[in-house]
């Protein structure tokens, strides 16, 4: 594996993966597959499945990091915590939660306390692991399907 080409492919796929990740679950899998595709297009060689999974995982990390940075900027830099709280209340109501219940509102407001932020960081860590795993699966599948059917010996 050429490291320079691999880094470029992971960065390109990760940046594009921010847009693709609008598609739930499938978007991050496609991000990993895109990294393997970009590597093959630039280098001309097909990666083994294990290296395809690693490259896909790297693209997943890039996509997750960009999404997390944008999320952090949106909430904390622009001081939109109240708008974010209202947004979370609307989302919980759309998924069947009772947003008018004082207990639900208290739990959402608790997210901005220090213990709530620690819980949020923990769940973000789990989301990153999940994203990397899905992107690795996409990279492994892409390298598997891009393998030539009659490899020359």
Protein backbone atom coordinates (compact mmCIF):
# COMPACT_ATOMS: atom_id res chain seq x y z
CA UNK A 1 0.00 0.00 0.00
CA UNK A 2 1.33 3.42 -0.93
CA UNK A 3 0.87 5.56 2.21
CA UNK A 4 0.71 8.91 0.39
CA UNK A 5 -1.99 7.70 -1.97
CA UNK A 6 -3.85 6.06 0.91
CA UNK A 7 -3.87 9.25 2.99
CA UNK A 8 -5.11 11.30 0.03
CA UNK A 9 -7.83 8.75 -0.72
CA UNK A 10 -8.96 8.64 2.93
CA UNK A 11 -9.04 12.43 3.20
CA UNK A 12 -10.97 12.86 -0.05
CA UNK A 13 -13.43 10.13 0.83
CA UNK A 14 -13.84 11.50 4.37
CA UNK A 15 -14.61 15.00 3.14
CA UNK A 16 -17.07 13.68 0.59
CA UNK A 17 -18.38 11.29 3.24
CA UNK A 18 -19.67 14.26 5.23
CA UNK A 19 -22.14 14.83 2.40
CA UNK A 20 -22.85 11.14 1.84
CA UNK A 21 -23.50 10.58 5.55
CA UNK A 22 -26.87 12.26 5.10
CA UNK A 23 -27.99 8.76 4.08
CA UNK A 24 -28.36 6.97 7.43
CA UNK A 25 -25.94 4.04 7.97
CA UNK A 26 -25.42 3.40 4.26
CA UNK A 27 -23.65 6.74 3.82
CA UNK A 28 -20.76 5.84 6.10
CA UNK A 29 -20.42 2.42 4.46
CA UNK A 30 -20.23 4.18 1.10
CA UNK A 31 -17.56 6.50 2.50
CA UNK A 32 -15.30 3.52 3.21
CA UNK A 33 -16.00 2.05 -0.22
CA UNK A 34 -15.24 5.40 -1.85
CA UNK A 35 -11.82 5.50 -0.17
CA UNK A 36 -10.92 2.13 -1.68
CA UNK A 37 -12.26 3.22 -5.07
CA UNK A 38 -10.20 6.44 -5.00
CA UNK A 39 -7.09 4.51 -3.97
CA UNK A 40 -7.52 2.07 -6.83
CA UNK A 41 -8.22 4.84 -9.33
CA UNK A 42 -5.10 6.77 -8.36
CA UNK A 43 -2.73 3.85 -7.79
CA UNK A 44 -4.10 1.26 -10.18
CA UNK A 45 -3.76 -1.60 -7.71
CA UNK A 46 -6.48 -3.51 -5.92
CA UNK A 47 -6.10 -3.62 -2.15
CA UNK A 48 -6.44 -6.84 -0.17
CA UNK A 49 -9.59 -6.96 1.93
CA UNK A 50 -7.82 -6.25 5.22
CA UNK A 51 -6.08 -3.15 3.86
CA UNK A 52 -9.35 -2.03 2.26
CA UNK A 53 -10.98 -2.24 5.68
CA UNK A 54 -8.19 -0.17 7.23
CA UNK A 55 -8.44 2.46 4.51
CA UNK A 56 -12.22 2.58 4.84
CA UNK A 57 -11.88 2.96 8.60
CA UNK A 58 -9.48 5.87 8.12
CA UNK A 59 -12.01 7.57 5.85
CA UNK A 60 -14.67 6.97 8.51
CA UNK A 61 -12.50 8.67 11.13
CA UNK A 62 -12.03 11.68 8.84
CA UNK A 63 -15.76 11.95 8.13
CA UNK A 64 -16.63 11.59 11.82
CA UNK A 65 -14.05 14.20 12.85
CA UNK A 66 -15.38 16.73 10.35
CA UNK A 67 -18.96 16.09 11.43
CA UNK A 68 -18.02 16.42 15.10
CA UNK A 69 -16.13 19.66 14.44
CA UNK A 70 -19.06 21.15 12.53
CA UNK A 71 -21.44 20.07 15.28
CA UNK A 72 -19.25 21.63 17.97
CA UNK A 73 -18.86 24.87 16.05
CA UNK A 74 -22.59 25.07 15.45
CA UNK A 75 -23.50 24.62 19.12
CA UNK A 76 -20.74 26.14 21.20
CA UNK A 77 -19.09 28.83 19.10
CA UNK A 78 -22.33 30.41 17.96
CA UNK A 79 -23.95 29.92 21.40
CA UNK A 80 -26.96 28.11 19.99
CA UNK A 81 -27.54 25.91 23.01
CA UNK A 82 -31.15 27.04 23.41
CA UNK A 83 -31.85 26.46 19.71
CA UNK A 84 -30.19 23.07 19.97
CA UNK A 85 -32.31 22.21 22.99
CA UNK A 86 -35.45 23.20 21.07
CA UNK A 87 -34.25 21.10 18.13
CA UNK A 88 -33.74 18.05 20.34
CA UNK A 89 -37.21 18.56 21.82
CA UNK A 90 -38.71 18.69 18.32
CA UNK A 91 -36.84 15.52 17.29
CA UNK A 92 -37.96 13.68 20.42
CA UNK A 93 -41.54 14.72 19.70
CA UNK A 94 -41.28 13.47 16.11
CA UNK A 95 -40.11 10.08 17.35
CA UNK A 96 -43.00 9.73 19.78
CA UNK A 97 -41.54 11.36 22.89
CA UNK A 98 -43.65 13.74 24.94
CA UNK A 99 -41.72 17.01 24.61
CA UNK A 100 -44.18 18.83 26.88
CA UNK A 101 -43.37 16.51 29.78
CA UNK A 102 -41.27 18.44 32.34
CA UNK A 103 -39.14 15.33 33.00
CA UNK A 104 -38.16 15.07 29.31
CA UNK A 105 -37.33 18.78 29.22
CA UNK A 106 -35.24 18.45 32.38
CA UNK A 107 -33.26 15.55 30.88
CA UNK A 108 -32.55 17.50 27.71
CA UNK A 109 -31.46 20.56 29.70
CA UNK A 110 -29.30 18.24 31.83
CA UNK A 111 -27.27 17.44 28.70
CA UNK A 112 -25.48 20.79 29.14
CA UNK A 113 -24.32 20.16 32.70
CA UNK A 114 -20.88 18.66 33.32
CA UNK A 115 -22.27 15.16 33.93
CA UNK A 116 -24.50 15.48 30.89
CA UNK A 117 -21.56 16.54 28.76
CA UNK A 118 -19.54 13.56 30.01
CA UNK A 119 -22.38 11.27 28.94
CA UNK A 120 -22.55 13.02 25.58
CA UNK A 121 -18.80 12.54 25.07
CA UNK A 122 -19.17 8.84 25.90
CA UNK A 123 -21.95 8.44 23.33
CA UNK A 124 -19.91 10.37 20.77
CA UNK A 125 -17.06 7.93 21.35
CA UNK A 126 -19.44 5.02 20.75
CA UNK A 127 -20.74 6.73 17.61
CA UNK A 128 -17.17 7.10 16.35
CA UNK A 129 -16.47 3.40 16.93
CA UNK A 130 -19.70 2.54 15.11
CA UNK A 131 -18.81 4.86 12.20
CA UNK A 132 -15.32 3.43 11.86
CA UNK A 133 -16.71 -0.11 11.93
CA UNK A 134 -19.26 0.65 9.21
CA UNK A 135 -16.69 2.46 7.06
CA UNK A 136 -14.30 -0.49 7.49
CA UNK A 137 -17.02 -2.85 6.32
CA UNK A 138 -17.54 -0.62 3.28
CA UNK A 139 -13.81 -0.60 2.53
CA UNK A 140 -13.55 -4.37 2.89
CA UNK A 141 -16.57 -4.95 0.64
CA UNK A 142 -15.26 -2.53 -1.98
CA UNK A 143 -11.86 -4.19 -2.08
CA UNK A 144 -13.54 -7.58 -2.28
CA UNK A 145 -15.81 -6.58 -5.15
CA UNK A 146 -13.07 -4.66 -7.03
CA UNK A 147 -10.81 -7.71 -7.02
CA UNK A 148 -10.20 -8.99 -10.55
CA UNK A 149 -12.05 -12.21 -11.31
CA UNK A 150 -9.02 -13.83 -13.03
CA UNK A 151 -5.92 -12.67 -11.17
CA UNK A 152 -2.77 -13.18 -13.20
CA UNK A 153 -0.35 -15.56 -11.61
